[in-house]
Amino acid sequence: MTAAELIATAAFENGVFAQAFPAFGVERRGAPVQAFVRFADRKIRLRSQIYEPDYIIVQDSTLIKDVNVFGGMKKGGIAVINTEKGGAWNVPEGVRLVTLNATRIALEALGVPITNTALMGAFAAASGEISMDAMEKVIRHRFGKDLAEKNIDAARRAYAQVKGGA
């Protein structure tokens, strides 16, 4: 949910309307959670789950074997997946797959395996939907000074990796 909120807020900073909301399935510790983000040039009145996403971000690639994360993805969409090794996933035709080891990036930048801002950076680079300036502003607002700088480092590393700079 944190990643969704950060992405929605950064999109808003870029001048579009945005909303972020969770969808909880089974309420038990460790159960998969979905979070959705919408952004548009006009007010968003729809408040339902997104069934045909343009983008997906998968924080835990082990879920792919149990959950159809690619279901409903549009041609031209982008799937950003945190993975160490990659996988033989059934990615729909016309969907661009972006993989990176966001866990490693988070461990190096933050010292803990919290991948939100690394995946946010990867999403920004892959989609072009949010700018680095907006992303950094949102991270600085959300976290204290030292933690913000570490999270910005994680986001920048992921951004550079996806753009081909690392």
N, C-alpha and C. Protein backbone atom coordinates (compact mmCIF):
# COMPACT_ATOMS: atom_id res chain seq x y z
N MET A 1 0.82 -1.19 0.00
CA MET A 1 0.00 0.00 0.00
C MET A 1 0.87 1.26 0.00
N THR A 2 1.99 1.21 0.70
CA THR A 2 2.87 2.37 0.74
C THR A 2 3.35 2.75 -0.65
N ALA A 3 3.76 1.76 -1.44
CA ALA A 3 4.22 2.05 -2.80
C ALA A 3 3.11 2.68 -3.62
N ALA A 4 1.89 2.18 -3.50
CA ALA A 4 0.76 2.73 -4.25
C ALA A 4 0.51 4.18 -3.85
N GLU A 5 0.54 4.46 -2.55
CA GLU A 5 0.33 5.84 -2.08
C GLU A 5 1.41 6.77 -2.60
N LEU A 6 2.66 6.32 -2.58
CA LEU A 6 3.76 7.14 -3.06
C LEU A 6 3.64 7.42 -4.56
N ILE A 7 3.29 6.41 -5.33
CA ILE A 7 3.13 6.58 -6.77
C ILE A 7 1.98 7.54 -7.07
N ALA A 8 0.85 7.36 -6.38
CA ALA A 8 -0.30 8.25 -6.60
C ALA A 8 0.04 9.69 -6.23
N THR A 9 0.74 9.88 -5.14
CA THR A 9 1.10 11.23 -4.71
C THR A 9 2.09 11.86 -5.69
N ALA A 10 3.04 11.08 -6.19
CA ALA A 10 3.99 11.60 -7.18
C ALA A 10 3.27 11.96 -8.48
N ALA A 11 2.31 11.15 -8.89
CA ALA A 11 1.53 11.47 -10.09
C ALA A 11 0.77 12.78 -9.89
N PHE A 12 0.20 12.95 -8.70
CA PHE A 12 -0.50 14.19 -8.36
C PHE A 12 0.46 15.38 -8.43
N GLU A 13 1.67 15.19 -7.93
CA GLU A 13 2.70 16.24 -7.99
C GLU A 13 3.02 16.62 -9.44
N ASN A 14 2.85 15.65 -10.34
CA ASN A 14 3.09 15.91 -11.76
C ASN A 14 1.89 16.55 -12.44
N GLY A 15 0.81 16.83 -11.68
CA GLY A 15 -0.31 17.58 -12.23
C GLY A 15 -1.50 16.78 -12.71
N VAL A 16 -1.60 15.51 -12.33
CA VAL A 16 -2.78 14.73 -12.71
C VAL A 16 -3.57 14.35 -11.47
N PHE A 17 -4.80 13.97 -11.66
CA PHE A 17 -5.61 13.46 -10.56
C PHE A 17 -5.17 12.03 -10.28
N ALA A 18 -5.19 11.64 -9.01
CA ALA A 18 -4.73 10.30 -8.65
C ALA A 18 -5.47 9.78 -7.44
N GLN A 19 -5.57 8.47 -7.35
CA GLN A 19 -6.12 7.81 -6.17
C GLN A 19 -5.37 6.50 -5.97
N ALA A 20 -5.25 6.09 -4.72
CA ALA A 20 -4.64 4.81 -4.37
C ALA A 20 -5.51 4.16 -3.31
N PHE A 21 -5.70 2.85 -3.44
CA PHE A 21 -6.53 2.15 -2.46
C PHE A 21 -6.14 0.67 -2.43
N PRO A 22 -6.28 0.02 -1.28
CA PRO A 22 -5.94 -1.40 -1.15
C PRO A 22 -7.15 -2.29 -1.40
N ALA A 23 -6.86 -3.56 -1.63
CA ALA A 23 -7.88 -4.60 -1.67
C ALA A 23 -7.32 -5.77 -0.89
N PHE A 24 -7.91 -6.05 0.24
CA PHE A 24 -7.43 -7.13 1.09
C PHE A 24 -8.24 -8.38 0.82
N GLY A 25 -7.56 -9.48 0.58
CA GLY A 25 -8.24 -10.76 0.39
C GLY A 25 -8.43 -11.39 1.75
N VAL A 26 -7.82 -12.53 1.93
CA VAL A 26 -7.88 -13.24 3.20
C VAL A 26 -7.16 -12.40 4.25
N GLU A 27 -7.82 -12.13 5.34
CA GLU A 27 -7.19 -11.30 6.37
C GLU A 27 -6.40 -12.17 7.33
N ARG A 28 -5.17 -12.44 6.91
CA ARG A 28 -4.24 -13.17 7.77
C ARG A 28 -2.86 -12.62 7.49
N ARG A 29 -2.02 -12.70 8.49
CA ARG A 29 -0.66 -12.19 8.34
C ARG A 29 0.05 -12.94 7.21
N GLY A 30 0.68 -12.18 6.32
CA GLY A 30 1.42 -12.78 5.22
C GLY A 30 0.59 -13.05 3.97
N ALA A 31 -0.71 -12.83 4.04
CA ALA A 31 -1.55 -13.05 2.86
C ALA A 31 -1.25 -11.99 1.80
N PRO A 32 -1.34 -12.36 0.52
CA PRO A 32 -1.10 -11.36 -0.54
C PRO A 32 -2.08 -10.20 -0.45
N VAL A 33 -1.58 -9.01 -0.69
CA VAL A 33 -2.40 -7.79 -0.67
C VAL A 33 -2.26 -7.13 -2.04
N GLN A 34 -3.36 -6.61 -2.53
CA GLN A 34 -3.32 -5.84 -3.77
C GLN A 34 -3.56 -4.38 -3.43
N ALA A 35 -2.90 -3.51 -4.15
CA ALA A 35 -3.16 -2.08 -4.04
C ALA A 35 -3.29 -1.55 -5.45
N PHE A 36 -4.18 -0.60 -5.63
CA PHE A 36 -4.46 -0.07 -6.95
C PHE A 36 -4.19 1.43 -6.98
N VAL A 37 -3.75 1.91 -8.13
CA VAL A 37 -3.53 3.34 -8.34
C VAL A 37 -4.19 3.70 -9.66
N ARG A 38 -4.91 4.80 -9.63
CA ARG A 38 -5.45 5.37 -10.87
C ARG A 38 -4.92 6.78 -11.00
N PHE A 39 -4.59 7.19 -12.22
CA PHE A 39 -4.31 8.59 -12.46
C PHE A 39 -4.88 8.97 -13.82
N ALA A 40 -5.35 10.22 -13.89
CA ALA A 40 -6.02 10.71 -15.09
C ALA A 40 -5.93 12.23 -15.15
N ASP A 41 -6.22 12.77 -16.32
CA ASP A 41 -6.20 14.22 -16.52
C ASP A 41 -7.45 14.91 -15.98
N ARG A 42 -8.45 14.13 -15.61
CA ARG A 42 -9.68 14.71 -15.05
C ARG A 42 -10.04 13.97 -13.77
N LYS A 43 -10.99 14.51 -13.02
CA LYS A 43 -11.38 13.90 -11.75
C LYS A 43 -11.74 12.43 -11.94
N ILE A 44 -11.35 11.63 -10.97
CA ILE A 44 -11.61 10.19 -11.01
C ILE A 44 -12.79 9.90 -10.11
N ARG A 45 -13.84 9.40 -10.68
CA ARG A 45 -15.04 9.10 -9.91
C ARG A 45 -15.20 7.59 -9.65
N LEU A 46 -14.53 6.78 -10.43
CA LEU A 46 -14.61 5.33 -10.29
C LEU A 46 -13.82 4.90 -9.06
N ARG A 47 -14.40 4.05 -8.25
CA ARG A 47 -13.75 3.61 -7.01
C ARG A 47 -13.77 2.09 -6.87
N SER A 48 -13.46 1.39 -7.94
CA SER A 48 -13.49 -0.07 -7.89
C SER A 48 -12.11 -0.63 -8.23
N GLN A 49 -11.98 -1.93 -8.00
CA GLN A 49 -10.76 -2.63 -8.36
C GLN A 49 -10.49 -2.41 -9.85
N ILE A 50 -9.24 -2.45 -10.23
CA ILE A 50 -8.86 -2.30 -11.63
C ILE A 50 -8.74 -3.69 -12.24
N TYR A 51 -9.54 -3.96 -13.25
CA TYR A 51 -9.58 -5.28 -13.86
C TYR A 51 -8.76 -5.38 -15.14
N GLU A 52 -8.44 -4.24 -15.74
CA GLU A 52 -7.63 -4.22 -16.96
C GLU A 52 -6.51 -3.19 -16.79
N PRO A 53 -5.47 -3.57 -16.03
CA PRO A 53 -4.42 -2.59 -15.72
C PRO A 53 -3.50 -2.30 -16.90
N ASP A 54 -3.02 -1.07 -16.93
CA ASP A 54 -1.97 -0.69 -17.88
C ASP A 54 -0.61 -1.13 -17.34
N TYR A 55 -0.48 -1.11 -16.03
CA TYR A 55 0.77 -1.46 -15.37
C TYR A 55 0.50 -2.35 -14.17
N ILE A 56 1.47 -3.22 -13.87
CA ILE A 56 1.45 -3.94 -12.59
C ILE A 56 2.84 -3.90 -12.00
N ILE A 57 2.89 -3.93 -10.69
CA ILE A 57 4.15 -4.05 -9.96
C ILE A 57 3.99 -5.23 -9.03
N VAL A 58 4.90 -6.18 -9.12
CA VAL A 58 4.85 -7.38 -8.28
C VAL A 58 6.04 -7.33 -7.34
N GLN A 59 5.75 -7.16 -6.05
CA GLN A 59 6.83 -7.06 -5.06
C GLN A 59 7.42 -8.42 -4.70
N ASP A 60 6.64 -9.49 -4.83
CA ASP A 60 7.08 -10.83 -4.48
C ASP A 60 6.79 -11.77 -5.64
N SER A 61 7.81 -12.10 -6.41
CA SER A 61 7.62 -12.90 -7.62
C SER A 61 7.17 -14.33 -7.33
N THR A 62 7.33 -14.81 -6.10
CA THR A 62 6.86 -16.16 -5.78
C THR A 62 5.34 -16.26 -5.85
N LEU A 63 4.65 -15.12 -5.79
CA LEU A 63 3.19 -15.13 -5.88
C LEU A 63 2.69 -15.46 -7.28
N ILE A 64 3.54 -15.28 -8.27
CA ILE A 64 3.10 -15.46 -9.66
C ILE A 64 2.64 -16.88 -9.92
N LYS A 65 3.21 -17.85 -9.24
CA LYS A 65 2.78 -19.24 -9.46
C LYS A 65 1.40 -19.51 -8.88
N ASP A 66 0.95 -18.72 -7.92
CA ASP A 66 -0.35 -18.94 -7.28
C ASP A 66 -1.42 -17.92 -7.66
N VAL A 67 -1.01 -16.76 -8.16
CA VAL A 67 -1.94 -15.68 -8.47
C VAL A 67 -1.72 -15.25 -9.92
N ASN A 68 -2.78 -15.09 -10.67
CA ASN A 68 -2.67 -14.63 -12.06
C ASN A 68 -2.48 -13.12 -12.06
N VAL A 69 -1.25 -12.69 -11.80
CA VAL A 69 -0.97 -11.26 -11.69
C VAL A 69 -1.12 -10.54 -13.03
N PHE A 70 -1.01 -11.27 -14.13
CA PHE A 70 -1.09 -10.66 -15.45
C PHE A 70 -2.52 -10.60 -15.99
N GLY A 71 -3.47 -11.12 -15.25
CA GLY A 71 -4.85 -11.18 -15.71
C GLY A 71 -5.39 -9.83 -16.10
N GLY A 72 -5.91 -9.72 -17.32
CA GLY A 72 -6.55 -8.49 -17.78
C GLY A 72 -5.60 -7.42 -18.28
N MET A 73 -4.28 -7.68 -18.23
CA MET A 73 -3.34 -6.64 -18.67
C MET A 73 -3.56 -6.27 -20.12
N LYS A 74 -3.48 -4.97 -20.37
CA LYS A 74 -3.68 -4.44 -21.71
C LYS A 74 -2.42 -4.59 -22.56
N LYS A 75 -2.62 -4.78 -23.85
CA LYS A 75 -1.51 -4.76 -24.80
C LYS A 75 -0.85 -3.38 -24.69
N GLY A 76 0.45 -3.35 -24.64
CA GLY A 76 1.18 -2.10 -24.45
C GLY A 76 1.44 -1.81 -22.98
N GLY A 77 0.96 -2.68 -22.09
CA GLY A 77 1.17 -2.51 -20.65
C GLY A 77 2.59 -2.88 -20.24
N ILE A 78 2.88 -2.59 -18.99
CA ILE A 78 4.21 -2.87 -18.44
C ILE A 78 4.05 -3.60 -17.11
N ALA A 79 4.79 -4.69 -16.95
CA ALA A 79 4.83 -5.43 -15.69
C ALA A 79 6.22 -5.27 -15.09
N VAL A 80 6.29 -4.68 -13.89
CA VAL A 80 7.55 -4.50 -13.17
C VAL A 80 7.57 -5.55 -12.06
N ILE A 81 8.57 -6.43 -12.09
CA ILE A 81 8.62 -7.54 -11.15
C ILE A 81 9.94 -7.55 -10.39
N ASN A 82 9.82 -7.63 -9.06
CA ASN A 82 10.97 -7.78 -8.19
C ASN A 82 11.36 -9.26 -8.21
N THR A 83 12.50 -9.55 -8.78
CA THR A 83 12.95 -10.93 -8.84
C THR A 83 14.46 -11.00 -8.84
N GLU A 84 14.96 -12.04 -8.26
CA GLU A 84 16.41 -12.25 -8.22
C GLU A 84 16.87 -12.97 -9.49
N LYS A 85 16.02 -13.88 -9.99
CA LYS A 85 16.44 -14.76 -11.07
C LYS A 85 15.63 -14.63 -12.35
N GLY A 86 14.49 -14.03 -12.29
CA GLY A 86 13.59 -14.06 -13.44
C GLY A 86 12.73 -15.30 -13.34
N GLY A 87 11.97 -15.57 -14.35
CA GLY A 87 11.11 -16.74 -14.32
C GLY A 87 10.47 -16.99 -15.67
N ALA A 88 9.89 -18.15 -15.80
CA ALA A 88 9.20 -18.54 -17.03
C ALA A 88 7.72 -18.23 -16.84
N TRP A 89 7.39 -16.97 -16.87
CA TRP A 89 6.02 -16.54 -16.61
C TRP A 89 5.24 -16.42 -17.91
N ASN A 90 3.97 -16.59 -17.80
CA ASN A 90 3.08 -16.50 -18.96
C ASN A 90 2.63 -15.04 -19.12
N VAL A 91 3.54 -14.22 -19.62
CA VAL A 91 3.28 -12.79 -19.80
C VAL A 91 2.45 -12.62 -21.07
N PRO A 92 1.35 -11.89 -20.99
CA PRO A 92 0.50 -11.71 -22.17
C PRO A 92 1.26 -11.03 -23.32
N GLU A 93 0.85 -11.37 -24.53
CA GLU A 93 1.44 -10.76 -25.71
C GLU A 93 1.26 -9.25 -25.67
N GLY A 94 2.32 -8.54 -26.00
CA GLY A 94 2.24 -7.08 -26.04
C GLY A 94 2.50 -6.40 -24.71
N VAL A 95 2.80 -7.17 -23.67
CA VAL A 95 3.10 -6.60 -22.35
C VAL A 95 4.62 -6.61 -22.17
N ARG A 96 5.16 -5.46 -21.84
CA ARG A 96 6.61 -5.34 -21.60
C ARG A 96 6.93 -5.79 -20.19
N LEU A 97 7.88 -6.69 -20.06
CA LEU A 97 8.31 -7.21 -18.76
C LEU A 97 9.59 -6.52 -18.34
N VAL A 98 9.57 -5.92 -17.13
CA VAL A 98 10.74 -5.27 -16.55
C VAL A 98 11.04 -5.99 -15.24
N THR A 99 12.22 -6.59 -15.16
CA THR A 99 12.60 -7.27 -13.93
C THR A 99 13.83 -6.61 -13.33
N LEU A 100 13.86 -6.61 -12.01
CA LEU A 100 15.03 -6.11 -11.30
C LEU A 100 15.02 -6.72 -9.91
N ASN A 101 16.18 -6.77 -9.31
CA ASN A 101 16.30 -7.28 -7.95
C ASN A 101 16.16 -6.10 -6.99
N ALA A 102 14.91 -5.69 -6.76
CA ALA A 102 14.63 -4.56 -5.88
C ALA A 102 15.00 -4.88 -4.44
N THR A 103 14.94 -6.15 -4.07
CA THR A 103 15.32 -6.54 -2.71
C THR A 103 16.79 -6.25 -2.47
N ARG A 104 17.64 -6.61 -3.44
CA ARG A 104 19.08 -6.32 -3.31
C ARG A 104 19.32 -4.82 -3.24
N ILE A 105 18.64 -4.07 -4.10
CA ILE A 105 18.79 -2.61 -4.09
C ILE A 105 18.39 -2.05 -2.73
N ALA A 106 17.27 -2.52 -2.18
CA ALA A 106 16.80 -2.04 -0.87
C ALA A 106 17.79 -2.41 0.23
N LEU A 107 18.31 -3.62 0.20
CA LEU A 107 19.28 -4.02 1.21
C LEU A 107 20.54 -3.16 1.15
N GLU A 108 21.00 -2.86 -0.06
CA GLU A 108 22.20 -2.03 -0.21
C GLU A 108 21.94 -0.58 0.21
N ALA A 109 20.80 -0.04 -0.16
CA ALA A 109 20.52 1.38 0.10
C ALA A 109 19.96 1.63 1.49
N LEU A 110 19.09 0.73 1.95
CA LEU A 110 18.37 0.94 3.21
C LEU A 110 18.85 0.05 4.35
N GLY A 111 19.43 -1.08 4.00
CA GLY A 111 19.84 -2.04 5.02
C GLY A 111 18.73 -2.99 5.42
N VAL A 112 17.56 -2.88 4.80
CA VAL A 112 16.42 -3.76 5.05
C VAL A 112 15.74 -4.09 3.71
N PRO A 113 15.08 -5.24 3.62
CA PRO A 113 14.48 -5.64 2.34
C PRO A 113 13.09 -5.04 2.08
N ILE A 114 12.97 -3.74 2.24
CA ILE A 114 11.71 -3.05 1.98
C ILE A 114 11.83 -2.40 0.60
N THR A 115 11.07 -2.91 -0.36
CA THR A 115 11.30 -2.60 -1.77
C THR A 115 10.44 -1.49 -2.35
N ASN A 116 9.62 -0.84 -1.55
CA ASN A 116 8.66 0.15 -2.07
C ASN A 116 9.29 1.21 -2.97
N THR A 117 10.31 1.89 -2.47
CA THR A 117 10.86 3.01 -3.24
C THR A 117 11.72 2.54 -4.41
N ALA A 118 12.36 1.39 -4.27
CA ALA A 118 13.10 0.84 -5.41
C ALA A 118 12.13 0.52 -6.55
N LEU A 119 11.02 -0.11 -6.23
CA LEU A 119 10.03 -0.44 -7.25
C LEU A 119 9.37 0.82 -7.81
N MET A 120 9.23 1.84 -6.98
CA MET A 120 8.70 3.12 -7.45
C MET A 120 9.65 3.72 -8.50
N GLY A 121 10.94 3.65 -8.23
CA GLY A 121 11.92 4.15 -9.19
C GLY A 121 11.90 3.36 -10.49
N ALA A 122 11.77 2.04 -10.38
CA ALA A 122 11.68 1.20 -11.57
C ALA A 122 10.43 1.52 -12.37
N PHE A 123 9.30 1.71 -11.68
CA PHE A 123 8.06 2.07 -12.35
C PHE A 123 8.20 3.41 -13.06
N ALA A 124 8.79 4.39 -12.40
CA ALA A 124 8.97 5.72 -13.00
C ALA A 124 9.80 5.61 -14.28
N ALA A 125 10.87 4.84 -14.24
CA ALA A 125 11.73 4.69 -15.41
C ALA A 125 11.03 3.95 -16.53
N ALA A 126 10.32 2.89 -16.19
CA ALA A 126 9.68 2.05 -17.22
C ALA A 126 8.48 2.74 -17.86
N SER A 127 7.71 3.45 -17.07
CA SER A 127 6.44 4.00 -17.56
C SER A 127 6.52 5.45 -18.02
N GLY A 128 7.38 6.23 -17.39
CA GLY A 128 7.42 7.66 -17.67
C GLY A 128 6.25 8.42 -17.07
N GLU A 129 5.45 7.76 -16.24
CA GLU A 129 4.25 8.37 -15.67
C GLU A 129 4.54 9.33 -14.53
N ILE A 130 5.67 9.14 -13.84
CA ILE A 130 6.04 10.05 -12.75
C ILE A 130 7.49 10.48 -12.94
N SER A 131 7.77 11.71 -12.60
CA SER A 131 9.13 12.26 -12.78
C SER A 131 9.99 11.97 -11.55
N MET A 132 11.29 12.02 -11.77
CA MET A 132 12.23 11.87 -10.65
C MET A 132 12.02 12.98 -9.62
N ASP A 133 11.79 14.22 -10.08
CA ASP A 133 11.60 15.33 -9.15
C ASP A 133 10.39 15.08 -8.26
N ALA A 134 9.27 14.66 -8.86
CA ALA A 134 8.06 14.39 -8.07
C ALA A 134 8.29 13.23 -7.12
N MET A 135 8.97 12.20 -7.59
CA MET A 135 9.25 11.03 -6.76
C MET A 135 10.10 11.42 -5.55
N GLU A 136 11.13 12.19 -5.77
CA GLU A 136 11.99 12.60 -4.67
C GLU A 136 11.26 13.51 -3.69
N LYS A 137 10.45 14.41 -4.19
CA LYS A 137 9.67 15.30 -3.32
C LYS A 137 8.74 14.50 -2.41
N VAL A 138 8.07 13.52 -2.97
CA VAL A 138 7.13 12.69 -2.20
C VAL A 138 7.87 11.87 -1.15
N ILE A 139 9.01 11.31 -1.52
CA ILE A 139 9.79 10.51 -0.57
C ILE A 139 10.30 11.39 0.57
N ARG A 140 10.77 12.59 0.25
CA ARG A 140 11.25 13.50 1.31
C ARG A 140 10.11 13.89 2.25
N HIS A 141 8.93 14.06 1.71
CA HIS A 141 7.77 14.42 2.53
C HIS A 141 7.34 13.26 3.43
N ARG A 142 7.46 12.04 2.93
CA ARG A 142 6.97 10.86 3.66
C ARG A 142 7.91 10.40 4.77
N PHE A 143 9.22 10.51 4.53
CA PHE A 143 10.20 9.96 5.46
C PHE A 143 11.05 11.06 6.08
N GLY A 144 11.62 10.75 7.24
CA GLY A 144 12.56 11.68 7.89
C GLY A 144 13.81 11.84 7.03
N LYS A 145 14.60 12.86 7.32
CA LYS A 145 15.74 13.25 6.48
C LYS A 145 16.66 12.09 6.09
N ASP A 146 17.22 11.38 7.06
CA ASP A 146 18.17 10.30 6.74
C ASP A 146 17.49 9.17 5.99
N LEU A 147 16.32 8.77 6.44
CA LEU A 147 15.59 7.68 5.79
C LEU A 147 15.13 8.10 4.39
N ALA A 148 14.78 9.35 4.23
CA ALA A 148 14.38 9.85 2.91
C ALA A 148 15.54 9.73 1.93
N GLU A 149 16.72 10.13 2.35
CA GLU A 149 17.88 10.07 1.45
C GLU A 149 18.21 8.63 1.07
N LYS A 150 18.08 7.71 1.99
CA LYS A 150 18.32 6.30 1.68
C LYS A 150 17.28 5.77 0.69
N ASN A 151 16.03 6.17 0.90
CA ASN A 151 14.97 5.74 -0.01
C ASN A 151 15.13 6.37 -1.39
N ILE A 152 15.55 7.61 -1.43
CA ILE A 152 15.82 8.26 -2.72
C ILE A 152 16.96 7.54 -3.44
N ASP A 153 17.97 7.13 -2.68
CA ASP A 153 19.07 6.37 -3.26
C ASP A 153 18.54 5.07 -3.88
N ALA A 154 17.67 4.36 -3.17
CA ALA A 154 17.09 3.12 -3.69
C ALA A 154 16.30 3.39 -4.96
N ALA A 155 15.49 4.43 -4.95
CA ALA A 155 14.67 4.77 -6.12
C ALA A 155 15.57 5.14 -7.31
N ARG A 156 16.60 5.92 -7.06
CA ARG A 156 17.51 6.33 -8.14
C ARG A 156 18.25 5.12 -8.72
N ARG A 157 18.70 4.21 -7.86
CA ARG A 157 19.41 3.02 -8.34
C ARG A 157 18.51 2.19 -9.26
N ALA A 158 17.26 1.99 -8.82
CA ALA A 158 16.32 1.20 -9.62
C ALA A 158 16.01 1.92 -10.92
N TYR A 159 15.80 3.22 -10.85
CA TYR A 159 15.51 4.03 -12.03
C TYR A 159 16.66 3.88 -13.05
N ALA A 160 17.89 4.04 -12.57
CA ALA A 160 19.06 3.95 -13.45
C ALA A 160 19.18 2.54 -14.05
N GLN A 161 18.92 1.53 -13.25
CA GLN A 161 19.02 0.16 -13.75
C GLN A 161 18.01 -0.08 -14.86
N VAL A 162 16.80 0.37 -14.67
CA VAL A 162 15.76 0.16 -15.69
C VAL A 162 16.06 0.99 -16.94
N LYS A 163 16.58 2.17 -16.76
CA LYS A 163 16.93 3.02 -17.90
C LYS A 163 18.21 2.53 -18.61
N GLY A 164 18.91 1.58 -17.97
CA GLY A 164 20.10 1.04 -18.60
C GLY A 164 21.39 1.68 -18.14
N GLY A 165 21.29 2.49 -17.08
CA GLY A 165 22.47 3.20 -16.61
C GLY A 165 23.26 2.49 -15.53
N ALA A 166 22.82 1.29 -15.13
CA ALA A 166 23.56 0.61 -14.06
C ALA A 166 23.65 -0.86 -14.34
